[in-house]
Every structure is written in C-alpha cells, then in structure tokens.
Amino acid sequence: MKALSFPNYNFKIKHEDNKTLIFDEYRKKWIILTPEENVRQHLCKYLNKELNYPKGLIAIEKQLKVNSLIKRFDIVIYNNDGKPSLIVECKAPNVKLDTKTLNQVLRYNIALKCDIILFTNGIDIHCCKVNFDEATISYLNEIPNYRNL
C-alpha cells in the first residue's frame, strides 16, 4: 500500500507530571501519549471519520487469549452482528514493519478470526484479506470502507 498520511485531527491533550496525555474517546480516559499511542489515536479517527467505521464498533487494547497466553490487541473493528472483522496492530513510527509484525497480528487473529488484518507505524500501512479456507493472505491496495467489510 501507499504511505499513510492522516488529516489534521483535533485531540484533547494535557500535560501532567511531566507527561503528555491524550484523551481516548473510545476508552473514555486519559492515556500517556507515546509514539505508538499517537498512531493508534490517529488511525481510530481516520477509520471513523474517513472510512465511516462506527465509533461503537471500535475496540481498543482489549485482552484476548492466544494459545493459553493473555495478549492485548491494539484495535479491533466489529461488524453489526458483533463479529470481529478487522484487527489492527500499531507500532511507533520508528519501528520497521516486517514479517515479525505480520506474524504478531496473525497470532492475535488466531483467536479473533478477522477477515481483514492491518498493521501500521503511522507512515507505512499494510492491509490484508485473510482466506481461512486456503490459509493465505492477500495484500489490499487500500483499507476497506466499513460498508465493504
């Protein structure tokens, strides 16, 4: 896919105890603004504002069990039936996206069985369609609009 460029979004930001915090509209709380969190917040806004993903169907940093291990996914989008449809792994901009990142999101997807996986560092973005019957993935040219999931 092409490089990702987020529009300028307005976020609630505050400074406290020498830390910068951002208000997460999904978790309804203030979060330390790390480089990875910055990517996560921008991507959530992008999915909601530009691609029509409903806020109520976006889950952030929830636990899941993968082969008896407790993990936390970055973002999962649910369809209107409550089935996980898209899983996202966010990395900081200085982290190179590679097979390690792909394998991480694929491991998480063992439990969720999303049809679409996405991984990004806020600069580069990769979006894939998963074919469970053939155990393959194919790279997409763009992130599907919510109506096309």
Protein backbone atom coordinates (compact mmCIF):
# COMPACT_ATOMS: atom_id res chain seq x y z
CA MET A 1 0.00 0.00 0.00
CA LYS A 2 0.99 3.60 -0.33
CA ALA A 3 2.31 5.61 2.58
CA LEU A 4 -0.29 6.76 5.06
CA SER A 5 -0.99 10.44 5.62
CA PHE A 6 -3.50 11.32 8.32
CA PRO A 7 -5.51 14.54 8.12
CA ASN A 8 -5.04 17.03 10.96
CA TYR A 9 -7.40 15.98 13.75
CA ASN A 10 -8.18 17.81 16.96
CA PHE A 11 -7.37 15.81 20.08
CA LYS A 12 -7.75 16.72 23.74
CA ILE A 13 -4.21 16.95 25.07
CA LYS A 14 -2.97 17.87 28.54
CA HIS A 15 0.32 17.88 30.41
CA GLU A 16 0.57 16.34 33.85
CA ASP A 17 3.58 15.25 35.94
CA ASN A 18 5.98 15.88 33.05
CA LYS A 19 3.91 13.63 30.78
CA THR A 20 1.75 14.44 27.79
CA LEU A 21 -1.68 12.80 27.90
CA ILE A 22 -4.32 12.36 25.21
CA PHE A 23 -8.00 11.75 25.87
CA ASP A 24 -9.05 8.45 24.31
CA GLU A 25 -12.65 8.84 23.11
CA TYR A 26 -13.08 5.06 22.93
CA ARG A 27 -11.72 4.06 26.34
CA LYS A 28 -13.08 7.30 27.85
CA LYS A 29 -9.89 8.09 29.75
CA TRP A 30 -6.60 9.95 29.57
CA ILE A 31 -3.70 7.91 28.16
CA ILE A 32 0.03 8.68 28.08
CA LEU A 33 0.82 9.92 24.58
CA THR A 34 3.55 7.55 23.42
CA PRO A 35 4.53 7.41 19.73
CA GLU A 36 2.54 4.17 19.36
CA GLU A 37 -0.49 5.71 21.08
CA ASN A 38 -0.28 8.66 18.70
CA VAL A 39 -0.50 6.24 15.74
CA ARG A 40 -3.39 4.35 17.38
CA GLN A 41 -5.39 7.55 18.07
CA HIS A 42 -4.85 8.92 14.56
CA LEU A 43 -5.81 5.61 12.95
CA CYS A 44 -9.01 5.36 15.01
CA LYS A 45 -10.00 8.89 13.95
CA TYR A 46 -9.16 8.04 10.34
CA LEU A 47 -11.23 4.85 10.40
CA ASN A 48 -14.17 6.69 11.95
CA LYS A 49 -14.08 10.00 10.07
CA GLU A 50 -12.76 8.99 6.65
CA LEU A 51 -13.92 5.37 6.26
CA ASN A 52 -17.20 5.51 8.21
CA TYR A 53 -16.33 2.92 10.87
CA PRO A 54 -18.86 3.47 13.71
CA LYS A 55 -17.26 4.51 17.00
CA GLY A 56 -19.34 1.99 18.92
CA LEU A 57 -17.86 -0.90 16.94
CA ILE A 58 -14.21 0.07 17.54
CA ALA A 59 -12.47 -1.64 20.49
CA ILE A 60 -9.03 -0.58 21.70
CA GLU A 61 -6.48 -2.56 23.73
CA LYS A 62 -8.63 -5.42 24.92
CA GLN A 63 -7.32 -8.73 26.22
CA LEU A 64 -7.53 -11.94 24.29
CA LYS A 65 -6.26 -15.44 24.88
CA VAL A 66 -3.85 -16.89 22.30
CA ASN A 67 -2.70 -20.46 22.95
CA SER A 68 -3.25 -20.06 26.71
CA LEU A 69 -1.32 -16.74 26.74
CA ILE A 70 -3.00 -13.44 27.56
CA LYS A 71 -2.31 -10.80 24.89
CA ARG A 72 -3.70 -7.35 24.11
CA PHE A 73 -4.72 -6.29 20.63
CA ASP A 74 -4.41 -2.65 19.57
CA ILE A 75 -7.67 -2.19 17.66
CA VAL A 76 -10.48 -4.49 16.58
CA ILE A 77 -13.44 -3.44 14.48
CA TYR A 78 -16.65 -5.40 14.87
CA ASN A 79 -19.40 -5.75 12.28
CA ASN A 80 -23.05 -5.01 13.04
CA ASP A 81 -23.54 -8.62 14.18
CA GLY A 82 -20.80 -8.27 16.80
CA LYS A 83 -18.28 -10.43 14.92
CA PRO A 84 -14.66 -9.20 14.81
CA SER A 85 -13.98 -8.15 11.20
CA LEU A 86 -10.72 -6.18 11.21
CA ILE A 87 -7.74 -6.37 13.56
CA VAL A 88 -5.05 -3.70 13.71
CA GLU A 89 -1.52 -3.74 15.10
CA CYS A 90 0.00 -0.27 15.65
CA LYS A 91 3.69 0.41 16.02
CA ALA A 92 5.63 3.60 16.70
CA PRO A 93 6.83 5.45 13.57
CA ASN A 94 10.45 4.40 14.19
CA VAL A 95 9.52 0.68 14.14
CA LYS A 96 10.03 -1.02 10.80
CA LEU A 97 7.10 -3.11 9.63
CA ASP A 98 8.29 -6.60 8.75
CA THR A 99 7.33 -10.27 8.95
CA LYS A 100 7.65 -10.11 12.75
CA THR A 101 4.85 -7.51 12.84
CA LEU A 102 2.77 -9.50 10.38
CA ASN A 103 3.24 -12.67 12.44
CA GLN A 104 2.22 -10.83 15.61
CA VAL A 105 -1.11 -9.70 14.18
CA LEU A 106 -1.67 -13.13 12.59
CA ARG A 107 -1.13 -14.78 16.01
CA TYR A 108 -3.72 -12.48 17.57
CA ASN A 109 -6.05 -13.28 14.72
CA ILE A 110 -5.98 -17.00 15.58
CA ALA A 111 -8.39 -16.19 18.40
CA LEU A 112 -10.44 -13.50 16.62
CA LYS A 113 -10.70 -14.82 13.04
CA CYS A 114 -11.00 -11.38 11.42
CA ASP A 115 -11.26 -11.32 7.63
CA ILE A 116 -9.03 -8.22 7.40
CA ILE A 117 -5.72 -7.54 9.15
CA LEU A 118 -3.96 -4.21 9.15
CA PHE A 119 -0.61 -3.15 10.56
CA THR A 120 0.90 0.31 10.54
CA ASN A 121 3.55 2.53 12.08
CA GLY A 122 1.66 5.66 11.05
CA ILE A 123 3.86 6.08 7.99
CA ASP A 124 3.61 2.74 6.23
CA ILE A 125 0.47 0.68 6.23
CA HIS A 126 -0.29 -2.87 5.17
CA CYS A 127 -3.80 -4.23 4.85
CA CYS A 128 -4.53 -7.87 4.02
CA LYS A 129 -7.52 -10.08 3.33
CA VAL A 130 -7.37 -13.43 5.10
CA ASN A 131 -8.58 -16.59 3.35
CA PHE A 132 -9.08 -19.10 6.15
CA ASP A 133 -10.06 -21.97 3.82
CA GLU A 134 -6.77 -21.74 1.90
CA ALA A 135 -4.69 -20.43 4.85
CA THR A 136 -3.46 -17.48 2.77
CA ILE A 137 -3.41 -13.71 2.91
CA SER A 138 -3.52 -11.26 0.02
CA TYR A 139 -2.42 -7.66 0.29
CA LEU A 140 -5.02 -4.99 -0.47
CA ASN A 141 -4.42 -1.64 -2.16
CA GLU A 142 -6.47 0.27 0.40
CA ILE A 143 -8.29 -0.10 3.71
CA PRO A 144 -11.87 -1.16 3.01
CA ASN A 145 -14.63 1.28 3.85
CA TYR A 146 -16.79 0.00 6.71
CA ARG A 147 -19.68 -0.79 4.33
CA ASN A 148 -17.33 -3.02 2.32
CA LEU A 149 -16.14 -5.21 5.20
